[in-house]
Amino acid sequence: MVPQLHVPTIAVSGSLQRFPVRRIYCVGRNYADHVREMGNDPSRDLPFFFSKPADAVVGSGQLPFPTHTAELHHEVELVVALHGRGASVSVTDAAAMIFGSAVGIDLTRRDLQAEAKKSGRPWDMAKGFDRSAPVGPLRPGIPPAAGSISLSVNGQMRQSGNLKDMIWSVAEIIAALSGYVELAPGDLIFTGTPAGVGPIKRGDTVRGMIAGFEPIEITFEE
């Protein structure tokens, strides 16, 4: 029998509708303070991208702790959802492709990432594992260019920054990414994280926040 596949979806604020997810793209090193804390130079080089599978998306709730890691890290991010299609899109035209945005957490198996970097291997198992992309409800419309972005673990603030400190703006990210792949409705883009990334333990509750957005909150099983 041919299997029936489930299409991952995200809640939409103020609506019973849900946003279907096609692909997930992530941009690396997009806040200067985070670039420095990872031991790199925050020069304005072209952004680089990696991806996660669409079914890595989950909403708020309880999650099992990921396997094969002793160093799970949190990275709070603004996530942009697209309803337009385009390749080699200009910065000017990029905003027309946006459906809305949300708070997301890029979960990372940092030990596996470090090992992959050292060996010159892909990051897939460090970034694209099951339930590695928690995303809160989407707020329709163009995302703000400024506003506080933060993350707490068990009520203690770990990350705190401002969207205005992104090295590459949302429109610039869309334009750059569309030069590599044709973007389409249902695509999500994680736009980078501020400084303060750090470890998550079993039993921890992690809460990601952006001013004016519904938060994303996840608790890891013991």
N, C-alpha and C. Protein backbone atom coordinates (compact mmCIF):
# COMPACT_ATOMS: atom_id res chain seq x y z
N MET A 1 0.85 -1.19 0.00
CA MET A 1 0.00 0.00 0.00
C MET A 1 0.88 1.25 0.00
N VAL A 2 0.53 2.21 -0.84
CA VAL A 2 1.28 3.46 -0.89
C VAL A 2 1.00 4.26 0.39
N PRO A 3 2.04 4.73 1.08
CA PRO A 3 1.81 5.44 2.34
C PRO A 3 1.18 6.81 2.12
N GLN A 4 0.40 7.24 3.09
CA GLN A 4 -0.15 8.59 3.09
C GLN A 4 0.72 9.45 3.99
N LEU A 5 1.26 10.52 3.42
CA LEU A 5 2.19 11.35 4.16
C LEU A 5 1.48 12.50 4.86
N HIS A 6 1.97 12.82 6.04
CA HIS A 6 1.45 13.93 6.82
C HIS A 6 2.21 15.20 6.48
N VAL A 7 1.52 16.27 6.16
CA VAL A 7 2.16 17.55 5.88
C VAL A 7 2.29 18.34 7.19
N PRO A 8 3.50 18.67 7.61
CA PRO A 8 3.68 19.44 8.85
C PRO A 8 3.04 20.82 8.72
N THR A 9 2.47 21.32 9.80
CA THR A 9 1.83 22.63 9.79
C THR A 9 2.18 23.41 11.04
N ILE A 10 1.99 24.74 10.96
CA ILE A 10 2.23 25.65 12.08
C ILE A 10 0.95 26.44 12.33
N ALA A 11 0.65 26.71 13.59
CA ALA A 11 -0.51 27.51 13.94
C ALA A 11 -0.35 28.94 13.43
N VAL A 12 -1.48 29.57 13.11
CA VAL A 12 -1.51 30.97 12.68
C VAL A 12 -2.27 31.76 13.73
N SER A 13 -1.66 32.79 14.28
CA SER A 13 -2.30 33.59 15.33
C SER A 13 -3.63 34.16 14.86
N GLY A 14 -4.66 34.06 15.72
CA GLY A 14 -5.97 34.62 15.42
C GLY A 14 -6.74 33.88 14.36
N SER A 15 -6.36 32.63 14.06
CA SER A 15 -7.02 31.89 12.99
C SER A 15 -7.06 30.40 13.34
N LEU A 16 -8.06 29.70 12.79
CA LEU A 16 -8.11 28.25 12.93
C LEU A 16 -7.31 27.56 11.83
N GLN A 17 -6.88 28.34 10.83
CA GLN A 17 -6.08 27.79 9.74
C GLN A 17 -4.67 27.50 10.22
N ARG A 18 -4.01 26.58 9.53
CA ARG A 18 -2.62 26.26 9.84
C ARG A 18 -1.78 26.39 8.58
N PHE A 19 -0.55 26.80 8.76
CA PHE A 19 0.37 27.06 7.65
C PHE A 19 1.13 25.78 7.32
N PRO A 20 1.01 25.27 6.08
CA PRO A 20 1.73 24.05 5.70
C PRO A 20 3.21 24.34 5.45
N VAL A 21 4.06 23.45 5.91
CA VAL A 21 5.51 23.65 5.78
C VAL A 21 6.06 22.82 4.63
N ARG A 22 6.76 23.48 3.72
CA ARG A 22 7.38 22.81 2.57
C ARG A 22 8.85 22.51 2.83
N ARG A 23 9.62 23.52 3.12
CA ARG A 23 11.04 23.37 3.41
C ARG A 23 11.43 24.31 4.55
N ILE A 24 12.53 23.97 5.23
CA ILE A 24 13.07 24.83 6.28
C ILE A 24 14.52 25.18 5.94
N TYR A 25 14.79 26.48 5.82
CA TYR A 25 16.14 26.96 5.59
C TYR A 25 16.58 27.76 6.82
N CYS A 26 17.87 27.72 7.10
CA CYS A 26 18.41 28.46 8.24
C CYS A 26 19.64 29.23 7.79
N VAL A 27 19.77 30.46 8.27
CA VAL A 27 20.97 31.26 7.95
C VAL A 27 21.88 31.27 9.17
N GLY A 28 23.17 31.09 8.93
CA GLY A 28 24.12 31.04 10.04
C GLY A 28 24.81 32.38 10.26
N ARG A 29 25.23 32.61 11.51
CA ARG A 29 26.07 33.76 11.87
C ARG A 29 25.48 35.09 11.39
N ASN A 30 24.28 35.41 11.88
CA ASN A 30 23.64 36.65 11.43
C ASN A 30 23.53 37.71 12.52
N TYR A 31 24.12 37.47 13.69
CA TYR A 31 24.24 38.49 14.74
C TYR A 31 25.72 38.55 15.12
N ALA A 32 26.30 39.75 15.10
CA ALA A 32 27.74 39.89 15.33
C ALA A 32 28.17 39.32 16.67
N ASP A 33 27.37 39.54 17.73
CA ASP A 33 27.77 39.06 19.05
C ASP A 33 27.81 37.53 19.10
N HIS A 34 26.89 36.87 18.39
CA HIS A 34 26.91 35.41 18.34
C HIS A 34 28.09 34.91 17.50
N VAL A 35 28.39 35.61 16.42
CA VAL A 35 29.54 35.23 15.59
C VAL A 35 30.81 35.25 16.45
N ARG A 36 30.95 36.30 17.26
CA ARG A 36 32.14 36.41 18.10
C ARG A 36 32.19 35.30 19.16
N GLU A 37 31.04 34.99 19.77
CA GLU A 37 31.05 33.98 20.83
C GLU A 37 31.37 32.59 20.27
N MET A 38 31.15 32.41 18.96
CA MET A 38 31.48 31.14 18.32
C MET A 38 32.90 31.14 17.76
N GLY A 39 33.65 32.24 18.04
CA GLY A 39 35.04 32.30 17.67
C GLY A 39 35.32 32.69 16.24
N ASN A 40 34.38 33.45 15.63
CA ASN A 40 34.54 33.85 14.23
C ASN A 40 34.51 35.37 14.09
N ASP A 41 34.87 35.86 12.91
CA ASP A 41 34.91 37.29 12.61
C ASP A 41 33.57 37.72 12.03
N PRO A 42 32.89 38.69 12.65
CA PRO A 42 31.57 39.10 12.17
C PRO A 42 31.62 40.06 10.99
N SER A 43 32.44 39.76 10.01
CA SER A 43 32.47 40.59 8.80
C SER A 43 31.22 40.30 7.98
N ARG A 44 30.86 41.25 7.11
CA ARG A 44 29.60 41.10 6.38
C ARG A 44 29.82 40.30 5.09
N ASP A 45 30.30 39.05 5.26
CA ASP A 45 30.40 38.15 4.12
C ASP A 45 29.00 37.72 3.71
N LEU A 46 28.90 37.14 2.53
CA LEU A 46 27.61 36.63 2.09
C LEU A 46 27.08 35.61 3.10
N PRO A 47 25.79 35.63 3.40
CA PRO A 47 25.23 34.67 4.36
C PRO A 47 25.36 33.25 3.83
N PHE A 48 25.51 32.28 4.75
CA PHE A 48 25.51 30.87 4.34
C PHE A 48 24.29 30.19 4.95
N PHE A 49 23.87 29.10 4.32
CA PHE A 49 22.61 28.47 4.69
C PHE A 49 22.78 26.98 4.94
N PHE A 50 21.93 26.46 5.81
CA PHE A 50 21.78 25.01 5.98
C PHE A 50 20.28 24.74 6.11
N SER A 51 19.89 23.51 6.20
CA SER A 51 18.46 23.20 6.19
C SER A 51 18.10 22.17 7.25
N LYS A 52 16.81 22.12 7.54
CA LYS A 52 16.23 21.10 8.40
C LYS A 52 15.06 20.48 7.64
N PRO A 53 14.69 19.23 7.94
CA PRO A 53 13.52 18.65 7.28
C PRO A 53 12.24 19.33 7.75
N ALA A 54 11.24 19.37 6.89
CA ALA A 54 9.98 20.04 7.23
C ALA A 54 9.35 19.46 8.48
N ASP A 55 9.46 18.15 8.68
CA ASP A 55 8.79 17.54 9.83
C ASP A 55 9.60 17.68 11.12
N ALA A 56 10.67 18.50 11.09
CA ALA A 56 11.35 18.86 12.34
C ALA A 56 10.55 19.90 13.12
N VAL A 57 9.54 20.50 12.47
CA VAL A 57 8.71 21.53 13.11
C VAL A 57 7.82 20.92 14.19
N VAL A 58 7.80 21.57 15.35
CA VAL A 58 6.87 21.23 16.43
C VAL A 58 6.42 22.52 17.09
N GLY A 59 5.27 22.48 17.76
CA GLY A 59 4.79 23.62 18.51
C GLY A 59 5.17 23.49 19.98
N SER A 60 4.60 24.37 20.81
CA SER A 60 4.87 24.33 22.24
C SER A 60 4.39 23.01 22.84
N GLY A 61 5.09 22.57 23.88
CA GLY A 61 4.70 21.33 24.54
C GLY A 61 5.90 20.59 25.09
N GLN A 62 5.71 19.31 25.36
CA GLN A 62 6.77 18.48 25.93
C GLN A 62 7.44 17.69 24.81
N LEU A 63 8.77 17.60 24.88
CA LEU A 63 9.54 16.89 23.87
C LEU A 63 10.44 15.86 24.53
N PRO A 64 10.66 14.73 23.86
CA PRO A 64 11.69 13.81 24.35
C PRO A 64 13.06 14.43 24.15
N PHE A 65 13.99 14.09 25.02
CA PHE A 65 15.34 14.63 24.87
C PHE A 65 16.00 13.91 23.70
N PRO A 66 16.66 14.66 22.79
CA PRO A 66 17.27 14.04 21.61
C PRO A 66 18.32 12.99 21.97
N THR A 67 18.44 11.99 21.13
CA THR A 67 19.45 10.96 21.30
C THR A 67 20.80 11.44 20.76
N HIS A 68 21.84 10.71 21.07
CA HIS A 68 23.18 10.90 20.51
C HIS A 68 23.73 12.32 20.75
N THR A 69 23.46 12.88 21.91
CA THR A 69 24.07 14.16 22.24
C THR A 69 24.24 14.30 23.75
N ALA A 70 25.35 14.89 24.12
CA ALA A 70 25.59 15.27 25.51
C ALA A 70 25.68 16.78 25.62
N GLU A 71 25.41 17.47 24.51
CA GLU A 71 25.54 18.93 24.48
C GLU A 71 24.48 19.52 23.55
N LEU A 72 23.22 19.45 23.97
CA LEU A 72 22.12 20.05 23.22
C LEU A 72 22.08 21.55 23.53
N HIS A 73 22.04 22.40 22.48
CA HIS A 73 22.03 23.84 22.66
C HIS A 73 20.77 24.47 22.08
N HIS A 74 20.40 25.62 22.65
CA HIS A 74 19.27 26.42 22.18
C HIS A 74 19.77 27.60 21.36
N GLU A 75 18.99 28.00 20.33
CA GLU A 75 19.26 29.20 19.55
C GLU A 75 17.91 29.82 19.17
N VAL A 76 17.52 30.91 19.84
CA VAL A 76 16.24 31.55 19.56
C VAL A 76 16.37 32.38 18.28
N GLU A 77 15.33 32.36 17.44
CA GLU A 77 15.41 33.03 16.14
C GLU A 77 14.05 33.57 15.69
N LEU A 78 14.08 34.62 14.89
CA LEU A 78 12.92 35.05 14.13
C LEU A 78 12.78 34.11 12.93
N VAL A 79 11.59 33.54 12.77
CA VAL A 79 11.32 32.63 11.66
C VAL A 79 10.35 33.31 10.70
N VAL A 80 10.70 33.33 9.42
CA VAL A 80 9.87 33.96 8.40
C VAL A 80 9.21 32.87 7.55
N ALA A 81 7.91 33.00 7.30
CA ALA A 81 7.15 32.05 6.49
C ALA A 81 6.76 32.70 5.16
N LEU A 82 6.94 31.99 4.07
CA LEU A 82 6.70 32.55 2.74
C LEU A 82 5.40 32.02 2.11
N HIS A 83 4.71 32.93 1.39
CA HIS A 83 3.57 32.50 0.58
C HIS A 83 3.77 32.83 -0.89
N GLY A 84 4.94 33.38 -1.22
CA GLY A 84 5.26 33.70 -2.60
C GLY A 84 6.29 32.74 -3.16
N ARG A 85 6.42 32.76 -4.46
CA ARG A 85 7.39 31.92 -5.15
C ARG A 85 8.36 32.81 -5.92
N GLY A 86 9.64 32.42 -5.97
CA GLY A 86 10.57 33.21 -6.76
C GLY A 86 11.99 32.71 -6.71
N ALA A 87 12.73 32.96 -7.78
CA ALA A 87 14.16 32.67 -7.85
C ALA A 87 14.87 33.96 -8.21
N SER A 88 16.07 34.14 -7.65
CA SER A 88 16.85 35.36 -7.87
C SER A 88 16.00 36.61 -7.63
N VAL A 89 15.32 36.62 -6.50
CA VAL A 89 14.44 37.73 -6.12
C VAL A 89 15.28 38.93 -5.68
N SER A 90 14.85 40.12 -6.03
CA SER A 90 15.56 41.32 -5.58
C SER A 90 15.19 41.63 -4.13
N VAL A 91 16.04 42.39 -3.48
CA VAL A 91 15.75 42.81 -2.11
C VAL A 91 14.45 43.60 -2.06
N THR A 92 14.21 44.42 -3.07
CA THR A 92 13.00 45.24 -3.12
C THR A 92 11.74 44.38 -3.20
N ASP A 93 11.80 43.27 -3.91
CA ASP A 93 10.63 42.42 -4.11
C ASP A 93 10.45 41.36 -3.04
N ALA A 94 11.42 41.20 -2.16
CA ALA A 94 11.40 40.10 -1.20
C ALA A 94 10.22 40.17 -0.23
N ALA A 95 9.87 41.38 0.21
CA ALA A 95 8.81 41.52 1.22
C ALA A 95 7.47 40.96 0.73
N ALA A 96 7.22 41.04 -0.57
CA ALA A 96 5.95 40.57 -1.12
C ALA A 96 5.79 39.06 -1.01
N MET A 97 6.88 38.36 -0.74
CA MET A 97 6.83 36.90 -0.62
C MET A 97 6.47 36.42 0.78
N ILE A 98 6.45 37.35 1.76
CA ILE A 98 6.31 36.97 3.16
C ILE A 98 4.84 36.84 3.57
N PHE A 99 4.51 35.70 4.17
CA PHE A 99 3.18 35.50 4.76
C PHE A 99 3.14 36.04 6.18
N GLY A 100 4.16 35.71 6.95
CA GLY A 100 4.19 36.12 8.35
C GLY A 100 5.47 35.66 9.00
N SER A 101 5.52 35.75 10.32
CA SER A 101 6.74 35.38 11.05
C SER A 101 6.38 34.89 12.44
N ALA A 102 7.35 34.27 13.10
CA ALA A 102 7.12 33.64 14.40
C ALA A 102 8.42 33.55 15.16
N VAL A 103 8.31 33.13 16.42
CA VAL A 103 9.49 32.83 17.23
C VAL A 103 9.83 31.35 17.03
N GLY A 104 11.10 31.08 16.79
CA GLY A 104 11.54 29.70 16.64
C GLY A 104 12.77 29.43 17.47
N ILE A 105 13.05 28.15 17.67
CA ILE A 105 14.26 27.73 18.37
C ILE A 105 14.97 26.70 17.51
N ASP A 106 16.18 27.04 17.09
CA ASP A 106 17.02 26.11 16.35
C ASP A 106 17.76 25.26 17.37
N LEU A 107 17.27 24.03 17.57
CA LEU A 107 17.95 23.11 18.49
C LEU A 107 19.14 22.48 17.78
N THR A 108 20.27 22.43 18.49
CA THR A 108 21.51 21.99 17.88
C THR A 108 22.23 20.98 18.77
N ARG A 109 22.60 19.85 18.19
CA ARG A 109 23.47 18.91 18.90
C ARG A 109 24.90 19.42 18.69
N ARG A 110 25.32 20.31 19.62
CA ARG A 110 26.56 21.04 19.44
C ARG A 110 27.78 20.12 19.37
N ASP A 111 27.76 19.05 20.13
CA ASP A 111 28.90 18.13 20.10
C ASP A 111 29.02 17.47 18.73
N LEU A 112 27.89 17.12 18.13
CA LEU A 112 27.95 16.53 16.79
C LEU A 112 28.36 17.56 15.75
N GLN A 113 27.91 18.81 15.94
CA GLN A 113 28.31 19.87 15.02
C GLN A 113 29.82 20.11 15.08
N ALA A 114 30.36 20.16 16.30
CA ALA A 114 31.81 20.38 16.45
C ALA A 114 32.60 19.25 15.81
N GLU A 115 32.12 18.04 15.99
CA GLU A 115 32.80 16.89 15.39
C GLU A 115 32.73 16.96 13.87
N ALA A 116 31.56 17.37 13.33
CA ALA A 116 31.41 17.49 11.88
C ALA A 116 32.32 18.57 11.31
N LYS A 117 32.40 19.72 12.01
CA LYS A 117 33.28 20.79 11.56
C LYS A 117 34.74 20.33 11.53
N LYS A 118 35.15 19.65 12.58
CA LYS A 118 36.53 19.19 12.69
C LYS A 118 36.88 18.21 11.57
N SER A 119 35.89 17.38 11.20
CA SER A 119 36.12 16.35 10.19
C SER A 119 35.78 16.80 8.78
N GLY A 120 35.26 18.03 8.64
CA GLY A 120 34.86 18.52 7.33
C GLY A 120 33.66 17.79 6.78
N ARG A 121 32.76 17.38 7.67
CA ARG A 121 31.57 16.62 7.26
C ARG A 121 30.32 17.48 7.36
N PRO A 122 29.21 17.07 6.74
CA PRO A 122 27.96 17.84 6.80
C PRO A 122 27.41 17.93 8.23
N TRP A 123 26.57 18.94 8.44
CA TRP A 123 25.97 19.19 9.76
C TRP A 123 24.62 18.49 9.95
N ASP A 124 24.18 17.71 9.01
CA ASP A 124 22.79 17.24 9.00
C ASP A 124 22.32 16.66 10.33
N MET A 125 23.10 15.75 10.91
CA MET A 125 22.66 15.11 12.15
C MET A 125 22.80 16.02 13.36
N ALA A 126 23.52 17.13 13.21
CA ALA A 126 23.65 18.11 14.30
C ALA A 126 22.50 19.10 14.29
N LYS A 127 21.93 19.35 13.12
CA LYS A 127 20.91 20.39 12.97
C LYS A 127 19.53 19.86 12.55
N GLY A 128 19.51 18.79 11.77
CA GLY A 128 18.26 18.36 11.15
C GLY A 128 17.62 17.13 11.75
N PHE A 129 17.74 16.96 13.05
CA PHE A 129 17.18 15.77 13.70
C PHE A 129 15.70 15.97 14.03
N ASP A 130 15.06 14.92 14.53
CA ASP A 130 13.63 14.97 14.85
C ASP A 130 13.32 16.06 15.87
N ARG A 131 12.27 16.83 15.60
CA ARG A 131 11.77 17.87 16.52
C ARG A 131 12.82 18.92 16.85
N SER A 132 13.67 19.23 15.88
CA SER A 132 14.75 20.19 16.11
C SER A 132 14.37 21.62 15.75
N ALA A 133 13.09 21.85 15.37
CA ALA A 133 12.67 23.20 14.94
C ALA A 133 11.35 23.61 15.60
N PRO A 134 11.34 23.82 16.91
CA PRO A 134 10.12 24.35 17.54
C PRO A 134 9.80 25.75 17.00
N VAL A 135 8.54 25.99 16.65
CA VAL A 135 8.11 27.27 16.11
C VAL A 135 6.77 27.65 16.72
N GLY A 136 6.66 28.90 17.20
CA GLY A 136 5.41 29.40 17.76
C GLY A 136 4.43 29.78 16.66
N PRO A 137 3.23 30.24 17.05
CA PRO A 137 2.23 30.65 16.06
C PRO A 137 2.72 31.79 15.18
N LEU A 138 2.38 31.71 13.91
CA LEU A 138 2.78 32.74 12.94
C LEU A 138 1.94 33.99 13.10
N ARG A 139 2.59 35.13 13.10
CA ARG A 139 1.90 36.42 13.07
C ARG A 139 1.89 36.91 11.63
N PRO A 140 0.72 36.99 10.98
CA PRO A 140 0.68 37.42 9.58
C PRO A 140 1.23 38.83 9.39
N GLY A 141 1.81 39.06 8.22
CA GLY A 141 2.34 40.38 7.89
C GLY A 141 3.85 40.41 7.87
N ILE A 142 4.38 41.58 7.53
CA ILE A 142 5.83 41.77 7.45
C ILE A 142 6.43 41.78 8.85
N PRO A 143 7.51 41.06 9.09
CA PRO A 143 8.12 41.05 10.42
C PRO A 143 8.75 42.39 10.77
N PRO A 144 8.84 42.71 12.04
CA PRO A 144 9.46 43.98 12.43
C PRO A 144 10.96 43.97 12.17
N ALA A 145 11.52 45.16 11.91
CA ALA A 145 12.96 45.28 11.70
C ALA A 145 13.70 45.44 13.02
N ALA A 146 12.96 45.73 14.09
CA ALA A 146 13.57 45.91 15.41
C ALA A 146 12.61 45.37 16.46
N GLY A 147 13.16 45.04 17.61
CA GLY A 147 12.36 44.52 18.71
C GLY A 147 13.16 43.49 19.48
N SER A 148 12.87 43.35 20.76
CA SER A 148 13.64 42.44 21.60
C SER A 148 13.40 40.98 21.21
N ILE A 149 14.46 40.20 21.27
CA ILE A 149 14.40 38.75 21.06
C ILE A 149 15.17 38.12 22.20
N SER A 150 14.58 37.10 22.84
CA SER A 150 15.22 36.55 24.03
C SER A 150 14.81 35.10 24.23
N LEU A 151 15.55 34.44 25.12
CA LEU A 151 15.25 33.05 25.47
C LEU A 151 15.63 32.81 26.92
N SER A 152 14.77 32.08 27.62
CA SER A 152 15.04 31.72 29.00
C SER A 152 15.01 30.21 29.16
N VAL A 153 15.75 29.73 30.13
CA VAL A 153 15.74 28.32 30.51
C VAL A 153 15.39 28.24 31.98
N ASN A 154 14.27 27.59 32.27
CA ASN A 154 13.77 27.49 33.65
C ASN A 154 13.61 28.87 34.29
N GLY A 155 13.18 29.85 33.49
CA GLY A 155 12.93 31.20 33.99
C GLY A 155 14.16 32.09 34.06
N GLN A 156 15.33 31.56 33.76
CA GLN A 156 16.57 32.35 33.80
C GLN A 156 16.94 32.78 32.38
N MET A 157 17.14 34.09 32.17
CA MET A 157 17.45 34.60 30.84
C MET A 157 18.81 34.10 30.36
N ARG A 158 18.82 33.57 29.16
CA ARG A 158 20.05 33.06 28.56
C ARG A 158 20.47 33.91 27.35
N GLN A 159 19.50 34.24 26.51
CA GLN A 159 19.79 35.03 25.31
C GLN A 159 18.95 36.29 25.33
N SER A 160 19.54 37.41 24.94
CA SER A 160 18.82 38.67 24.88
C SER A 160 19.46 39.55 23.82
N GLY A 161 18.66 39.95 22.83
CA GLY A 161 19.19 40.77 21.75
C GLY A 161 18.09 41.59 21.12
N ASN A 162 18.35 42.13 19.94
CA ASN A 162 17.38 42.94 19.24
C ASN A 162 17.44 42.60 17.75
N LEU A 163 16.28 42.50 17.13
CA LEU A 163 16.22 42.16 15.71
C LEU A 163 17.00 43.15 14.84
N LYS A 164 17.11 44.38 15.30
CA LYS A 164 17.82 45.39 14.51
C LYS A 164 19.31 45.10 14.40
N ASP A 165 19.81 44.16 15.21
CA ASP A 165 21.22 43.83 15.20
C ASP A 165 21.58 42.72 14.22
N MET A 166 20.59 42.26 13.44
CA MET A 166 20.90 41.27 12.42
C MET A 166 21.86 41.86 11.39
N ILE A 167 22.88 41.11 11.02
CA ILE A 167 23.84 41.57 10.01
C ILE A 167 23.15 41.69 8.66
N TRP A 168 22.35 40.70 8.31
CA TRP A 168 21.58 40.69 7.07
C TRP A 168 20.11 40.82 7.40
N SER A 169 19.41 41.75 6.76
CA SER A 169 17.98 41.94 7.00
C SER A 169 17.19 40.76 6.43
N VAL A 170 15.92 40.67 6.81
CA VAL A 170 15.06 39.60 6.29
C VAL A 170 15.00 39.65 4.77
N ALA A 171 14.81 40.85 4.20
CA ALA A 171 14.72 40.98 2.74
C ALA A 171 16.02 40.55 2.08
N GLU A 172 17.16 40.92 2.67
CA GLU A 172 18.45 40.53 2.11
C GLU A 172 18.66 39.02 2.18
N ILE A 173 18.20 38.41 3.26
CA ILE A 173 18.31 36.96 3.40
C ILE A 173 17.50 36.25 2.32
N ILE A 174 16.25 36.70 2.14
CA ILE A 174 15.40 36.09 1.11
C ILE A 174 16.02 36.23 -0.27
N ALA A 175 16.51 37.42 -0.57
CA ALA A 175 17.12 37.65 -1.87
C ALA A 175 18.34 36.76 -2.09
N ALA A 176 19.20 36.65 -1.07
CA ALA A 176 20.41 35.83 -1.20
C ALA A 176 20.06 34.35 -1.35
N LEU A 177 19.13 33.86 -0.53
CA LEU A 177 18.75 32.45 -0.58
C LEU A 177 18.11 32.10 -1.92
N SER A 178 17.30 33.02 -2.46
CA SER A 178 16.62 32.74 -3.72
C SER A 178 17.57 32.67 -4.91
N GLY A 179 18.82 33.07 -4.70
CA GLY A 179 19.82 32.90 -5.74
C GLY A 179 20.35 31.48 -5.82
N TYR A 180 20.17 30.72 -4.73
CA TYR A 180 20.62 29.34 -4.68
C TYR A 180 19.50 28.35 -5.03
N VAL A 181 18.28 28.64 -4.55
CA VAL A 181 17.14 27.75 -4.76
C VAL A 181 15.91 28.60 -5.07
N GLU A 182 14.97 28.02 -5.79
CA GLU A 182 13.69 28.70 -6.00
C GLU A 182 12.87 28.56 -4.73
N LEU A 183 12.49 29.68 -4.15
CA LEU A 183 11.67 29.66 -2.95
C LEU A 183 10.21 29.51 -3.33
N ALA A 184 9.41 28.93 -2.42
CA ALA A 184 8.03 28.63 -2.77
C ALA A 184 7.14 28.75 -1.54
N PRO A 185 5.81 28.82 -1.74
CA PRO A 185 4.89 28.87 -0.61
C PRO A 185 5.11 27.68 0.33
N GLY A 186 5.11 27.98 1.62
CA GLY A 186 5.33 26.94 2.62
C GLY A 186 6.75 26.89 3.14
N ASP A 187 7.66 27.67 2.54
CA ASP A 187 9.04 27.68 3.02
C ASP A 187 9.18 28.51 4.29
N LEU A 188 10.00 28.03 5.21
CA LEU A 188 10.36 28.76 6.43
C LEU A 188 11.83 29.12 6.38
N ILE A 189 12.15 30.30 6.92
CA ILE A 189 13.55 30.72 7.02
C ILE A 189 13.84 31.15 8.45
N PHE A 190 14.75 30.41 9.12
CA PHE A 190 15.27 30.81 10.42
C PHE A 190 16.37 31.84 10.16
N THR A 191 16.30 33.01 10.80
CA THR A 191 17.13 34.14 10.39
C THR A 191 18.34 34.41 11.26
N GLY A 192 18.71 33.47 12.13
CA GLY A 192 19.91 33.65 12.94
C GLY A 192 19.60 33.95 14.40
N THR A 193 20.60 33.80 15.25
CA THR A 193 20.40 33.92 16.70
C THR A 193 21.39 34.89 17.33
N PRO A 194 20.96 35.61 18.36
CA PRO A 194 21.90 36.48 19.09
C PRO A 194 22.79 35.66 20.03
N ALA A 195 23.69 36.33 20.71
CA ALA A 195 24.62 35.66 21.62
C ALA A 195 23.89 35.02 22.79
N GLY A 196 24.60 34.12 23.46
CA GLY A 196 24.07 33.50 24.66
C GLY A 196 23.62 32.07 24.48
N VAL A 197 23.90 31.47 23.31
CA VAL A 197 23.51 30.08 23.11
C VAL A 197 24.17 29.22 24.18
N GLY A 198 23.45 28.18 24.60
CA GLY A 198 23.99 27.37 25.68
C GLY A 198 23.26 26.07 25.84
N PRO A 199 23.65 25.28 26.84
CA PRO A 199 23.16 23.91 26.97
C PRO A 199 21.75 23.79 27.55
N ILE A 200 21.10 22.71 27.17
CA ILE A 200 19.79 22.33 27.68
C ILE A 200 19.93 20.95 28.30
N LYS A 201 19.35 20.76 29.48
CA LYS A 201 19.41 19.46 30.16
C LYS A 201 18.02 18.82 30.17
N ARG A 202 17.98 17.55 30.47
CA ARG A 202 16.72 16.86 30.64
C ARG A 202 15.90 17.54 31.73
N GLY A 203 14.62 17.72 31.50
CA GLY A 203 13.75 18.37 32.47
C GLY A 203 13.68 19.88 32.34
N ASP A 204 14.54 20.49 31.52
CA ASP A 204 14.53 21.95 31.37
C ASP A 204 13.32 22.43 30.57
N THR A 205 12.85 23.64 30.92
CA THR A 205 11.81 24.32 30.15
C THR A 205 12.44 25.52 29.46
N VAL A 206 12.31 25.56 28.16
CA VAL A 206 12.93 26.59 27.33
C VAL A 206 11.83 27.44 26.71
N ARG A 207 11.95 28.77 26.84
CA ARG A 207 10.93 29.70 26.35
C ARG A 207 11.59 30.74 25.44
N GLY A 208 11.16 30.78 24.18
CA GLY A 208 11.65 31.76 23.23
C GLY A 208 10.65 32.88 23.05
N MET A 209 11.15 34.12 22.99
CA MET A 209 10.26 35.28 22.95
C MET A 209 10.77 36.34 21.98
N ILE A 210 9.84 37.01 21.30
CA ILE A 210 10.10 38.21 20.52
C ILE A 210 8.98 39.18 20.84
N ALA A 211 9.29 40.45 21.05
CA ALA A 211 8.28 41.45 21.41
C ALA A 211 7.14 41.46 20.38
N GLY A 212 5.90 41.34 20.87
CA GLY A 212 4.74 41.38 20.01
C GLY A 212 4.33 40.05 19.43
N PHE A 213 5.05 38.97 19.75
CA PHE A 213 4.75 37.63 19.23
C PHE A 213 4.32 36.70 20.34
N GLU A 214 3.54 35.67 19.97
CA GLU A 214 3.27 34.60 20.91
C GLU A 214 4.54 33.79 21.10
N PRO A 215 4.90 33.45 22.33
CA PRO A 215 6.16 32.74 22.58
C PRO A 215 6.08 31.27 22.17
N ILE A 216 7.22 30.64 22.11
CA ILE A 216 7.32 29.19 21.95
C ILE A 216 7.92 28.65 23.24
N GLU A 217 7.31 27.64 23.84
CA GLU A 217 7.81 27.08 25.10
C GLU A 217 7.80 25.56 25.02
N ILE A 218 8.95 24.97 25.30
CA ILE A 218 9.07 23.52 25.26
C ILE A 218 9.72 23.04 26.55
N THR A 219 9.28 21.86 27.01
CA THR A 219 9.86 21.22 28.17
C THR A 219 10.37 19.85 27.76
N PHE A 220 11.62 19.56 28.12
CA PHE A 220 12.21 18.28 27.76
C PHE A 220 11.94 17.24 28.85
N GLU A 221 11.60 16.06 28.43
CA GLU A 221 11.31 14.99 29.36
C GLU A 221 12.57 14.62 30.16
N GLU A 222 12.35 14.16 31.37
CA GLU A 222 13.47 13.75 32.23
C GLU A 222 14.18 12.52 31.64
